[in-house]
Amino acid sequence: MFRAGLVAPTLSTLRTMELTDGNAWYLIRTKTGKERWVRDQLRNSVSEVFLPLLKAKTPRWGRMAMTVGPLFPCYVFARFDLQTSYFDVKYMPGVRGIVSAGNDPLAVPTAIVDEIRRRGVDDIVEIAEQPLDHGDKVMVMEGPFRGFEAIFERYLSGAERVAILLSAIEAGGLRVLLPASAVAKYT
């Protein structure tokens, strides 16, 4: 409820309040694999740069490995004054452009950048692994049964080892014990 004489702030008013120092957040599109390089180059020419990273288990060479890569591949957030730094940013080597609507670069609300930062530590966001439940379909990622589909049965000795039932026709429901890191939820 607002008192007489006070008006609810509109979206344009909020944007104006957010841009009082002339700087706003923009999303910079990079060339493939150049996110870190562009981030490092932008640090020399803009007031703030943010490259959110994701730490997750991914299949590498047939095994599940912990990797850290961009949360948004080919994108970097940069905070700068559009009037003074537009051409420096847009034509920087490794940059494809600034995310825009038509010819107008779109400012990213500060709240979005703050929320992504809040969810990570040192700009690294980690998504907690979802534990497996009895009956979940899994894929064996390493070992002699690599590539086989199976049904998760239960954890053994904490979460370090698991019991699965191989669901391949040849296996006929064979029960196998594996390290937990050797299986991944099948989607």
C-alpha atoms as a PDB file:
ATOM      1  CA  MET A   1       0.000   0.000   0.000  1.00  0.00           C
ATOM      2  CA  PHE A   2       1.420   3.394  -0.970  1.00  0.00           C
ATOM      3  CA  ARG A   3       0.824   6.704   0.766  1.00  0.00           C
ATOM      4  CA  ALA A   4      -0.676   9.632  -1.041  1.00  0.00           C
ATOM      5  CA  GLY A   5       1.855  11.219  -3.368  1.00  0.00           C
ATOM      6  CA  LEU A   6       4.006   8.054  -3.682  1.00  0.00           C
ATOM      7  CA  VAL A   7       3.959   6.115  -6.924  1.00  0.00           C
ATOM      8  CA  ALA A   8       4.893   2.459  -7.358  1.00  0.00           C
ATOM      9  CA  PRO A   9       8.186   2.186  -9.251  1.00  0.00           C
ATOM     10  CA  THR A  10       7.853   0.988 -12.836  1.00  0.00           C
ATOM     11  CA  LEU A  11      10.313  -1.250 -14.652  1.00  0.00           C
ATOM     12  CA  SER A  12      11.815   1.731 -16.485  1.00  0.00           C
ATOM     13  CA  THR A  13      12.192   3.576 -13.162  1.00  0.00           C
ATOM     14  CA  LEU A  14      13.980   0.563 -11.670  1.00  0.00           C
ATOM     15  CA  ARG A  15      16.330   0.417 -14.666  1.00  0.00           C
ATOM     16  CA  THR A  16      17.056   4.123 -14.315  1.00  0.00           C
ATOM     17  CA  MET A  17      17.761   3.704 -10.583  1.00  0.00           C
ATOM     18  CA  GLU A  18      20.052   0.774 -11.360  1.00  0.00           C
ATOM     19  CA  LEU A  19      22.064   2.729 -13.941  1.00  0.00           C
ATOM     20  CA  THR A  20      22.789   5.861 -11.915  1.00  0.00           C
ATOM     21  CA  ASP A  21      26.556   5.443 -12.245  1.00  0.00           C
ATOM     22  CA  GLY A  22      26.300   4.820 -15.998  1.00  0.00           C
ATOM     23  CA  ASN A  23      27.353   1.184 -15.656  1.00  0.00           C
ATOM     24  CA  ALA A  24      25.053  -1.751 -16.318  1.00  0.00           C
ATOM     25  CA  TRP A  25      25.488  -5.495 -16.753  1.00  0.00           C
ATOM     26  CA  TYR A  26      25.478  -6.852 -20.302  1.00  0.00           C
ATOM     27  CA  LEU A  27      25.801 -10.362 -21.666  1.00  0.00           C
ATOM     28  CA  ILE A  28      28.762 -10.724 -24.023  1.00  0.00           C
ATOM     29  CA  ARG A  29      28.675 -13.548 -26.575  1.00  0.00           C
ATOM     30  CA  THR A  30      32.098 -15.094 -27.118  1.00  0.00           C
ATOM     31  CA  LYS A  31      33.581 -17.413 -29.668  1.00  0.00           C
ATOM     32  CA  THR A  32      33.465 -21.092 -28.694  1.00  0.00           C
ATOM     33  CA  GLY A  33      35.919 -21.923 -25.917  1.00  0.00           C
ATOM     34  CA  LYS A  34      37.078 -18.284 -25.520  1.00  0.00           C
ATOM     35  CA  GLU A  35      35.067 -17.392 -22.378  1.00  0.00           C
ATOM     36  CA  ARG A  36      38.053 -17.317 -19.999  1.00  0.00           C
ATOM     37  CA  TRP A  37      40.257 -15.467 -22.469  1.00  0.00           C
ATOM     38  CA  VAL A  38      37.577 -12.816 -23.094  1.00  0.00           C
ATOM     39  CA  ARG A  39      36.998 -12.497 -19.326  1.00  0.00           C
ATOM     40  CA  ASP A  40      40.706 -11.839 -18.789  1.00  0.00           C
ATOM     41  CA  GLN A  41      40.828  -9.272 -21.613  1.00  0.00           C
ATOM     42  CA  LEU A  42      37.676  -7.489 -20.401  1.00  0.00           C
ATOM     43  CA  ARG A  43      39.160  -7.072 -16.913  1.00  0.00           C
ATOM     44  CA  ASN A  44      41.515  -4.495 -18.398  1.00  0.00           C
ATOM     45  CA  SER A  45      38.788  -2.361 -19.989  1.00  0.00           C
ATOM     46  CA  VAL A  46      35.504  -2.604 -18.021  1.00  0.00           C
ATOM     47  CA  SER A  47      34.557  -2.047 -14.389  1.00  0.00           C
ATOM     48  CA  GLU A  48      33.528  -5.644 -13.617  1.00  0.00           C
ATOM     49  CA  VAL A  49      33.451  -9.050 -15.343  1.00  0.00           C
ATOM     50  CA  PHE A  50      31.664 -12.217 -14.241  1.00  0.00           C
ATOM     51  CA  LEU A  51      32.135 -15.678 -15.761  1.00  0.00           C
ATOM     52  CA  PRO A  52      30.020 -18.126 -13.766  1.00  0.00           C
ATOM     53  CA  LEU A  53      31.482 -21.628 -13.813  1.00  0.00           C
ATOM     54  CA  LEU A  54      29.814 -24.998 -13.207  1.00  0.00           C
ATOM     55  CA  LYS A  55      31.470 -27.834 -11.315  1.00  0.00           C
ATOM     56  CA  ALA A  56      29.883 -31.149 -12.270  1.00  0.00           C
ATOM     57  CA  LYS A  57      30.610 -34.778 -13.022  1.00  0.00           C
ATOM     58  CA  THR A  58      30.712 -35.440 -16.733  1.00  0.00           C
ATOM     59  CA  PRO A  59      31.680 -38.496 -18.767  1.00  0.00           C
ATOM     60  CA  ARG A  60      35.281 -38.215 -19.964  1.00  0.00           C
ATOM     61  CA  TRP A  61      37.004 -41.029 -21.812  1.00  0.00           C
ATOM     62  CA  GLY A  62      34.397 -43.480 -20.546  1.00  0.00           C
ATOM     63  CA  ARG A  63      34.716 -42.411 -16.900  1.00  0.00           C
ATOM     64  CA  MET A  64      32.905 -39.900 -14.757  1.00  0.00           C
ATOM     65  CA  ALA A  65      35.258 -37.008 -13.992  1.00  0.00           C
ATOM     66  CA  MET A  66      34.765 -33.755 -12.081  1.00  0.00           C
ATOM     67  CA  THR A  67      35.052 -30.824 -14.486  1.00  0.00           C
ATOM     68  CA  VAL A  68      34.744 -27.057 -14.185  1.00  0.00           C
ATOM     69  CA  GLY A  69      33.429 -25.237 -17.235  1.00  0.00           C
ATOM     70  CA  PRO A  70      31.302 -22.227 -18.096  1.00  0.00           C
ATOM     71  CA  LEU A  71      27.772 -22.295 -16.664  1.00  0.00           C
ATOM     72  CA  PHE A  72      26.648 -20.547 -19.867  1.00  0.00           C
ATOM     73  CA  PRO A  73      29.008 -21.671 -22.666  1.00  0.00           C
ATOM     74  CA  CYS A  74      29.961 -18.812 -25.022  1.00  0.00           C
ATOM     75  CA  TYR A  75      28.738 -16.057 -22.650  1.00  0.00           C
ATOM     76  CA  VAL A  76      30.380 -13.690 -20.151  1.00  0.00           C
ATOM     77  CA  PHE A  77      28.705 -10.992 -18.048  1.00  0.00           C
ATOM     78  CA  ALA A  78      30.371  -7.568 -18.116  1.00  0.00           C
ATOM     79  CA  ARG A  79      29.454  -4.374 -16.259  1.00  0.00           C
ATOM     80  CA  PHE A  80      30.357  -1.210 -18.115  1.00  0.00           C
ATOM     81  CA  ASP A  81      29.149   2.146 -19.413  1.00  0.00           C
ATOM     82  CA  LEU A  82      27.642   1.474 -22.814  1.00  0.00           C
ATOM     83  CA  GLN A  83      28.359   5.021 -24.037  1.00  0.00           C
ATOM     84  CA  THR A  84      32.111   4.857 -23.419  1.00  0.00           C
ATOM     85  CA  SER A  85      32.996   1.153 -23.829  1.00  0.00           C
ATOM     86  CA  TYR A  86      30.599  -0.191 -26.471  1.00  0.00           C
ATOM     87  CA  PHE A  87      33.068  -0.382 -29.368  1.00  0.00           C
ATOM     88  CA  ASP A  88      35.955  -1.594 -27.170  1.00  0.00           C
ATOM     89  CA  VAL A  89      33.830  -4.520 -25.973  1.00  0.00           C
ATOM     90  CA  LYS A  90      31.979  -5.341 -29.190  1.00  0.00           C
ATOM     91  CA  TYR A  91      35.099  -5.485 -31.353  1.00  0.00           C
ATOM     92  CA  MET A  92      37.431  -7.155 -28.845  1.00  0.00           C
ATOM     93  CA  PRO A  93      39.098 -10.306 -30.237  1.00  0.00           C
ATOM     94  CA  GLY A  94      37.164 -13.408 -29.152  1.00  0.00           C
ATOM     95  CA  VAL A  95      33.855 -11.517 -28.849  1.00  0.00           C
ATOM     96  CA  ARG A  96      30.993 -12.243 -31.251  1.00  0.00           C
ATOM     97  CA  GLY A  97      28.820  -9.434 -29.926  1.00  0.00           C
ATOM     98  CA  ILE A  98      26.685  -8.044 -27.134  1.00  0.00           C
ATOM     99  CA  VAL A  99      23.301  -9.718 -26.633  1.00  0.00           C
ATOM    100  CA  SER A 100      20.798  -7.268 -28.087  1.00  0.00           C
ATOM    101  CA  ALA A 101      17.197  -6.760 -29.092  1.00  0.00           C
ATOM    102  CA  GLY A 102      17.598  -5.503 -32.619  1.00  0.00           C
ATOM    103  CA  ASN A 103      20.379  -2.925 -32.444  1.00  0.00           C
ATOM    104  CA  ASP A 104      19.909  -2.122 -28.743  1.00  0.00           C
ATOM    105  CA  PRO A 105      22.099  -4.042 -26.269  1.00  0.00           C
ATOM    106  CA  LEU A 106      20.005  -5.511 -23.446  1.00  0.00           C
ATOM    107  CA  ALA A 107      20.989  -4.662 -19.890  1.00  0.00           C
ATOM    108  CA  VAL A 108      20.886  -7.642 -17.534  1.00  0.00           C
ATOM    109  CA  PRO A 109      19.207  -6.826 -14.211  1.00  0.00           C
ATOM    110  CA  THR A 110      21.720  -6.721 -11.358  1.00  0.00           C
ATOM    111  CA  ALA A 111      19.459  -9.046  -9.362  1.00  0.00           C
ATOM    112  CA  ILE A 112      20.098 -11.863 -11.859  1.00  0.00           C
ATOM    113  CA  VAL A 113      23.884 -11.513 -11.636  1.00  0.00           C
ATOM    114  CA  ASP A 114      23.679 -11.273  -7.823  1.00  0.00           C
ATOM    115  CA  GLU A 115      21.535 -14.426  -7.619  1.00  0.00           C
ATOM    116  CA  ILE A 116      23.950 -16.454  -9.763  1.00  0.00           C
ATOM    117  CA  ARG A 117      26.862 -15.212  -7.635  1.00  0.00           C
ATOM    118  CA  ARG A 118      24.990 -16.076  -4.434  1.00  0.00           C
ATOM    119  CA  ARG A 119      24.628 -19.689  -5.571  1.00  0.00           C
ATOM    120  CA  GLY A 120      28.356 -20.195  -6.042  1.00  0.00           C
ATOM    121  CA  VAL A 121      31.671 -19.922  -4.260  1.00  0.00           C
ATOM    122  CA  ASP A 122      34.468 -18.053  -6.066  1.00  0.00           C
ATOM    123  CA  ASP A 123      32.175 -17.833  -9.136  1.00  0.00           C
ATOM    124  CA  ILE A 124      31.839 -21.659  -9.238  1.00  0.00           C
ATOM    125  CA  VAL A 125      28.328 -23.092  -8.996  1.00  0.00           C
ATOM    126  CA  GLU A 126      28.091 -26.727  -7.929  1.00  0.00           C
ATOM    127  CA  ILE A 127      24.933 -28.708  -8.480  1.00  0.00           C
ATOM    128  CA  ALA A 128      24.491 -31.299  -5.764  1.00  0.00           C
ATOM    129  CA  GLU A 129      24.314 -34.858  -7.013  1.00  0.00           C
ATOM    130  CA  GLN A 130      20.928 -36.421  -6.755  1.00  0.00           C
ATOM    131  CA  PRO A 131      21.124 -39.705  -4.905  1.00  0.00           C
ATOM    132  CA  LEU A 132      19.903 -42.765  -6.719  1.00  0.00           C
ATOM    133  CA  ASP A 133      16.672 -44.404  -5.625  1.00  0.00           C
ATOM    134  CA  HIS A 134      15.756 -48.088  -5.761  1.00  0.00           C
ATOM    135  CA  GLY A 135      14.533 -48.853  -9.288  1.00  0.00           C
ATOM    136  CA  ASP A 136      16.252 -45.907 -11.044  1.00  0.00           C
ATOM    137  CA  LYS A 137      17.655 -46.621 -14.507  1.00  0.00           C
ATOM    138  CA  VAL A 138      21.432 -46.153 -14.571  1.00  0.00           C
ATOM    139  CA  MET A 139      24.185 -46.428 -17.155  1.00  0.00           C
ATOM    140  CA  VAL A 140      27.490 -48.108 -16.279  1.00  0.00           C
ATOM    141  CA  MET A 141      30.177 -45.552 -17.172  1.00  0.00           C
ATOM    142  CA  GLU A 142      33.375 -47.496 -16.468  1.00  0.00           C
ATOM    143  CA  GLY A 143      34.703 -50.997 -16.014  1.00  0.00           C
ATOM    144  CA  PRO A 144      33.956 -54.206 -17.907  1.00  0.00           C
ATOM    145  CA  PHE A 145      30.202 -53.431 -18.014  1.00  0.00           C
ATOM    146  CA  ARG A 146      30.693 -49.934 -19.477  1.00  0.00           C
ATOM    147  CA  GLY A 147      27.777 -48.946 -21.724  1.00  0.00           C
ATOM    148  CA  PHE A 148      25.322 -51.379 -20.127  1.00  0.00           C
ATOM    149  CA  GLU A 149      21.977 -50.159 -18.830  1.00  0.00           C
ATOM    150  CA  ALA A 150      21.067 -51.329 -15.345  1.00  0.00           C
ATOM    151  CA  ILE A 151      18.563 -50.884 -12.555  1.00  0.00           C
ATOM    152  CA  PHE A 152      19.833 -49.375  -9.294  1.00  0.00           C
ATOM    153  CA  GLU A 153      19.222 -51.693  -6.355  1.00  0.00           C
ATOM    154  CA  ARG A 154      20.909 -50.111  -3.305  1.00  0.00           C
ATOM    155  CA  TYR A 155      23.947 -48.406  -1.831  1.00  0.00           C
ATOM    156  CA  LEU A 156      26.525 -50.530  -0.010  1.00  0.00           C
ATOM    157  CA  SER A 157      28.892 -49.171   2.671  1.00  0.00           C
ATOM    158  CA  GLY A 158      27.649 -45.596   2.542  1.00  0.00           C
ATOM    159  CA  ALA A 159      27.509 -44.119  -0.929  1.00  0.00           C
ATOM    160  CA  GLU A 160      30.843 -45.457  -2.145  1.00  0.00           C
ATOM    161  CA  ARG A 161      29.595 -48.742  -3.613  1.00  0.00           C
ATOM    162  CA  VAL A 162      26.334 -49.703  -5.263  1.00  0.00           C
ATOM    163  CA  ALA A 163      24.484 -52.872  -6.192  1.00  0.00           C
ATOM    164  CA  ILE A 164      22.829 -52.843  -9.610  1.00  0.00           C
ATOM    165  CA  LEU A 165      20.903 -55.325 -11.712  1.00  0.00           C
ATOM    166  CA  LEU A 166      22.128 -55.417 -15.297  1.00  0.00           C
ATOM    167  CA  SER A 167      19.123 -55.151 -17.553  1.00  0.00           C
ATOM    168  CA  ALA A 168      20.737 -56.431 -20.736  1.00  0.00           C
ATOM    169  CA  ILE A 169      19.034 -59.484 -22.189  1.00  0.00           C
ATOM    170  CA  GLU A 170      22.289 -61.460 -22.084  1.00  0.00           C
ATOM    171  CA  ALA A 171      22.797 -60.674 -18.389  1.00  0.00           C
ATOM    172  CA  GLY A 172      19.375 -61.999 -17.374  1.00  0.00           C
ATOM    173  CA  GLY A 173      19.106 -59.723 -14.313  1.00  0.00           C
ATOM    174  CA  LEU A 174      22.678 -60.302 -13.094  1.00  0.00           C
ATOM    175  CA  ARG A 175      23.434 -58.518  -9.777  1.00  0.00           C
ATOM    176  CA  VAL A 176      26.727 -56.573  -9.908  1.00  0.00           C
ATOM    177  CA  LEU A 177      28.591 -54.566  -7.242  1.00  0.00           C
ATOM    178  CA  LEU A 178      30.389 -51.451  -8.501  1.00  0.00           C
ATOM    179  CA  PRO A 179      31.905 -48.234  -7.158  1.00  0.00           C
ATOM    180  CA  ALA A 180      29.196 -45.538  -7.046  1.00  0.00           C
ATOM    181  CA  SER A 181      31.308 -43.379  -9.367  1.00  0.00           C
ATOM    182  CA  ALA A 182      30.996 -46.039 -12.075  1.00  0.00           C
ATOM    183  CA  VAL A 183      27.279 -45.442 -12.634  1.00  0.00           C
ATOM    184  CA  ALA A 184      25.248 -42.415 -13.692  1.00  0.00           C
ATOM    185  CA  LYS A 185      21.507 -41.831 -13.717  1.00  0.00           C
ATOM    186  CA  TYR A 186      20.166 -42.689 -17.160  1.00  0.00           C
ATOM    187  CA  THR A 187      18.057 -39.978 -18.757  1.00  0.00           C
END
